[in-house]
């Protein structure tokens, strides 16, 4: 993965990000969503595009990502943007 330094903070962002708008909404994270998230991280993606209105329904992608962060990416929170 190619990483780019952002601003003067020294923060490195992966050149690719995963957008969580439509695909990650719903009542709860699916096994497929979990697999996508884990595989992207394994390949070096550290930036996940997320907003509080992503869904549908609105806000569900944020809730689902939080659940997956707690369970699937526990211990890697400081590596993600």
N, C-alpha and C. Protein backbone atom coordinates (compact mmCIF):
# COMPACT_ATOMS: atom_id res chain seq x y z
N UNK A 1 0.85 -1.17 0.00
CA UNK A 1 0.00 0.00 0.00
C UNK A 1 0.89 1.24 0.00
N UNK A 2 0.49 2.20 -0.75
CA UNK A 2 1.16 3.50 -0.75
C UNK A 2 0.51 4.36 0.33
N UNK A 3 1.35 5.06 1.10
CA UNK A 3 0.85 5.95 2.13
C UNK A 3 1.32 7.36 1.83
N UNK A 4 0.50 8.33 2.19
CA UNK A 4 0.84 9.74 1.96
C UNK A 4 0.74 10.48 3.28
N UNK A 5 1.73 11.34 3.50
CA UNK A 5 1.73 12.17 4.70
C UNK A 5 0.72 13.29 4.51
N UNK A 6 -0.03 13.59 5.53
CA UNK A 6 -1.04 14.63 5.43
C UNK A 6 -0.69 15.81 6.34
N UNK A 7 -0.67 16.97 5.75
CA UNK A 7 -0.39 18.19 6.51
C UNK A 7 0.93 18.13 7.25
N UNK A 8 0.99 18.85 8.36
CA UNK A 8 2.21 18.89 9.17
C UNK A 8 2.14 17.95 10.37
N UNK A 9 1.05 17.22 10.46
CA UNK A 9 0.84 16.35 11.62
C UNK A 9 1.72 15.10 11.60
N UNK A 10 2.18 14.73 10.42
CA UNK A 10 2.93 13.49 10.30
C UNK A 10 2.04 12.28 10.10
N UNK A 11 0.74 12.48 10.10
CA UNK A 11 -0.22 11.40 9.92
C UNK A 11 -0.08 10.82 8.52
N UNK A 12 -0.01 9.49 8.43
CA UNK A 12 0.07 8.81 7.15
C UNK A 12 -1.30 8.23 6.80
N UNK A 13 -1.76 8.52 5.59
CA UNK A 13 -3.02 7.98 5.10
C UNK A 13 -2.75 6.99 3.98
N UNK A 14 -3.49 5.91 3.95
CA UNK A 14 -3.37 4.99 2.82
C UNK A 14 -3.89 5.70 1.57
N UNK A 15 -3.28 5.42 0.43
CA UNK A 15 -3.68 6.07 -0.82
C UNK A 15 -5.10 5.68 -1.21
N UNK A 16 -5.55 4.53 -0.77
CA UNK A 16 -6.92 4.08 -1.02
C UNK A 16 -7.71 4.11 0.28
N UNK A 17 -8.99 4.38 0.15
CA UNK A 17 -9.86 4.31 1.33
C UNK A 17 -11.07 3.46 0.97
N UNK A 18 -11.79 3.04 1.98
CA UNK A 18 -13.02 2.29 1.78
C UNK A 18 -14.18 3.18 2.20
N UNK A 19 -15.11 3.41 1.28
CA UNK A 19 -16.29 4.21 1.57
C UNK A 19 -17.38 3.34 2.18
N UNK A 20 -17.95 3.79 3.26
CA UNK A 20 -18.92 2.98 4.00
C UNK A 20 -20.36 3.47 3.84
N UNK A 21 -20.64 4.25 2.81
CA UNK A 21 -21.94 4.89 2.71
C UNK A 21 -23.08 3.88 2.57
N UNK A 22 -23.31 3.36 1.39
CA UNK A 22 -24.46 2.47 1.14
C UNK A 22 -24.21 1.04 1.59
N UNK A 23 -23.03 0.55 1.39
CA UNK A 23 -22.72 -0.87 1.58
C UNK A 23 -22.77 -1.32 3.04
N UNK A 24 -22.51 -0.41 3.97
CA UNK A 24 -22.35 -0.82 5.37
C UNK A 24 -23.53 -0.43 6.26
N UNK A 25 -24.64 0.00 5.65
CA UNK A 25 -25.84 0.32 6.42
C UNK A 25 -26.59 -0.94 6.80
N UNK A 26 -27.70 -0.76 7.46
CA UNK A 26 -28.54 -1.88 7.85
C UNK A 26 -28.66 -2.00 9.35
N UNK A 27 -29.39 -3.01 9.77
CA UNK A 27 -29.65 -3.20 11.19
C UNK A 27 -28.43 -3.65 11.97
N UNK A 28 -27.56 -4.41 11.34
CA UNK A 28 -26.35 -4.89 12.01
C UNK A 28 -25.32 -5.28 10.95
N UNK A 29 -24.03 -5.31 11.34
CA UNK A 29 -23.00 -5.68 10.37
C UNK A 29 -23.21 -7.12 9.88
N UNK A 30 -22.98 -7.33 8.59
CA UNK A 30 -23.08 -8.68 8.04
C UNK A 30 -21.70 -9.32 8.02
N UNK A 31 -21.67 -10.62 7.87
CA UNK A 31 -20.38 -11.32 7.76
C UNK A 31 -19.61 -10.84 6.55
N UNK A 32 -20.32 -10.53 5.47
CA UNK A 32 -19.65 -10.02 4.27
C UNK A 32 -19.01 -8.66 4.55
N UNK A 33 -19.72 -7.79 5.25
CA UNK A 33 -19.15 -6.49 5.60
C UNK A 33 -17.91 -6.65 6.48
N UNK A 34 -17.99 -7.55 7.42
CA UNK A 34 -16.84 -7.81 8.30
C UNK A 34 -15.64 -8.30 7.48
N UNK A 35 -15.90 -9.18 6.53
CA UNK A 35 -14.82 -9.72 5.69
C UNK A 35 -14.20 -8.62 4.83
N UNK A 36 -15.03 -7.73 4.28
CA UNK A 36 -14.53 -6.62 3.47
C UNK A 36 -13.64 -5.72 4.32
N UNK A 37 -14.10 -5.38 5.50
CA UNK A 37 -13.35 -4.49 6.39
C UNK A 37 -12.02 -5.11 6.80
N UNK A 38 -12.04 -6.37 7.22
CA UNK A 38 -10.80 -7.04 7.63
C UNK A 38 -9.82 -7.17 6.48
N UNK A 39 -10.32 -7.54 5.30
CA UNK A 39 -9.43 -7.71 4.14
C UNK A 39 -8.81 -6.39 3.73
N UNK A 40 -9.60 -5.33 3.72
CA UNK A 40 -9.06 -4.01 3.38
C UNK A 40 -7.94 -3.64 4.35
N UNK A 41 -8.15 -3.87 5.64
CA UNK A 41 -7.13 -3.56 6.64
C UNK A 41 -5.89 -4.43 6.43
N UNK A 42 -6.08 -5.71 6.15
CA UNK A 42 -4.95 -6.61 5.89
C UNK A 42 -4.12 -6.13 4.70
N UNK A 43 -4.78 -5.52 3.71
CA UNK A 43 -4.09 -5.03 2.52
C UNK A 43 -3.49 -3.64 2.71
N UNK A 44 -3.66 -3.07 3.90
CA UNK A 44 -3.02 -1.80 4.21
C UNK A 44 -3.91 -0.59 4.22
N UNK A 45 -5.20 -0.76 3.99
CA UNK A 45 -6.12 0.38 4.04
C UNK A 45 -6.28 0.80 5.50
N UNK A 46 -6.04 2.08 5.76
CA UNK A 46 -6.18 2.61 7.12
C UNK A 46 -7.19 3.75 7.18
N UNK A 47 -7.76 4.11 6.02
CA UNK A 47 -8.73 5.21 5.98
C UNK A 47 -10.08 4.66 5.55
N UNK A 48 -11.08 4.86 6.40
CA UNK A 48 -12.44 4.42 6.12
C UNK A 48 -13.34 5.65 6.13
N UNK A 49 -13.97 5.94 4.99
CA UNK A 49 -14.82 7.11 4.85
C UNK A 49 -16.16 6.85 5.51
N UNK A 50 -16.50 7.69 6.48
CA UNK A 50 -17.69 7.45 7.29
C UNK A 50 -18.30 8.78 7.71
N UNK A 51 -19.61 8.83 7.78
CA UNK A 51 -20.32 10.02 8.27
C UNK A 51 -21.55 9.57 9.04
N UNK A 52 -22.05 10.46 9.89
CA UNK A 52 -23.17 10.09 10.75
C UNK A 52 -24.49 9.91 10.01
N UNK A 53 -24.55 10.26 8.73
CA UNK A 53 -25.80 10.07 7.99
C UNK A 53 -25.70 8.93 6.97
N UNK A 54 -24.61 8.17 6.96
CA UNK A 54 -24.48 7.06 6.02
C UNK A 54 -25.39 5.92 6.45
N UNK A 55 -25.97 5.27 5.47
CA UNK A 55 -26.89 4.17 5.75
C UNK A 55 -27.20 3.45 4.46
N UNK A 56 -28.41 3.15 4.19
CA UNK A 56 -29.62 3.39 4.97
C UNK A 56 -29.81 2.35 6.07
N UNK A 57 -30.57 2.62 7.10
CA UNK A 57 -31.09 3.93 7.49
C UNK A 57 -29.96 4.84 7.96
N UNK A 58 -30.24 6.14 7.95
CA UNK A 58 -29.23 7.12 8.33
C UNK A 58 -28.58 6.76 9.67
N UNK A 59 -27.26 6.83 9.68
CA UNK A 59 -26.51 6.56 10.90
C UNK A 59 -26.14 5.12 11.13
N UNK A 60 -26.73 4.21 10.38
CA UNK A 60 -26.48 2.79 10.64
C UNK A 60 -25.07 2.36 10.25
N UNK A 61 -24.49 2.97 9.22
CA UNK A 61 -23.12 2.60 8.84
C UNK A 61 -22.15 2.97 9.96
N UNK A 62 -22.38 4.10 10.60
CA UNK A 62 -21.53 4.52 11.71
C UNK A 62 -21.65 3.54 12.88
N UNK A 63 -22.85 3.15 13.21
CA UNK A 63 -23.07 2.18 14.29
C UNK A 63 -22.44 0.83 13.96
N UNK A 64 -22.64 0.37 12.74
CA UNK A 64 -22.08 -0.92 12.33
C UNK A 64 -20.56 -0.89 12.34
N UNK A 65 -19.97 0.20 11.84
CA UNK A 65 -18.52 0.30 11.85
C UNK A 65 -18.00 0.28 13.29
N UNK A 66 -18.68 0.97 14.19
CA UNK A 66 -18.28 0.96 15.60
C UNK A 66 -18.27 -0.45 16.17
N UNK A 67 -19.29 -1.23 15.84
CA UNK A 67 -19.34 -2.62 16.31
C UNK A 67 -18.19 -3.43 15.74
N UNK A 68 -17.92 -3.25 14.44
CA UNK A 68 -16.83 -4.00 13.80
C UNK A 68 -15.47 -3.55 14.32
N UNK A 69 -15.34 -2.27 14.62
CA UNK A 69 -14.09 -1.76 15.18
C UNK A 69 -13.84 -2.41 16.54
N UNK A 70 -14.87 -2.51 17.35
CA UNK A 70 -14.75 -3.13 18.68
C UNK A 70 -14.42 -4.62 18.60
N UNK A 71 -15.00 -5.32 17.65
CA UNK A 71 -14.84 -6.77 17.61
C UNK A 71 -13.77 -7.24 16.64
N UNK A 72 -13.78 -6.72 15.42
CA UNK A 72 -12.89 -7.23 14.37
C UNK A 72 -11.54 -6.52 14.31
N UNK A 73 -11.50 -5.27 14.72
CA UNK A 73 -10.26 -4.51 14.62
C UNK A 73 -9.78 -4.03 15.98
N UNK A 74 -10.24 -4.68 17.04
CA UNK A 74 -9.80 -4.32 18.38
C UNK A 74 -8.28 -4.37 18.44
N UNK A 75 -7.69 -3.37 19.03
CA UNK A 75 -6.23 -3.32 19.11
C UNK A 75 -5.58 -2.57 17.97
N UNK A 76 -6.36 -2.18 16.96
CA UNK A 76 -5.81 -1.46 15.81
C UNK A 76 -6.38 -0.05 15.67
N UNK A 77 -7.14 0.39 16.65
CA UNK A 77 -7.84 1.67 16.55
C UNK A 77 -6.88 2.83 16.23
N UNK A 78 -5.71 2.84 16.84
CA UNK A 78 -4.76 3.93 16.62
C UNK A 78 -4.16 3.92 15.22
N UNK A 79 -4.36 2.86 14.47
CA UNK A 79 -3.83 2.76 13.11
C UNK A 79 -4.82 3.25 12.06
N UNK A 80 -6.05 3.54 12.47
CA UNK A 80 -7.12 3.87 11.53
C UNK A 80 -7.44 5.35 11.53
N UNK A 81 -7.88 5.83 10.36
CA UNK A 81 -8.30 7.23 10.22
C UNK A 81 -9.73 7.25 9.74
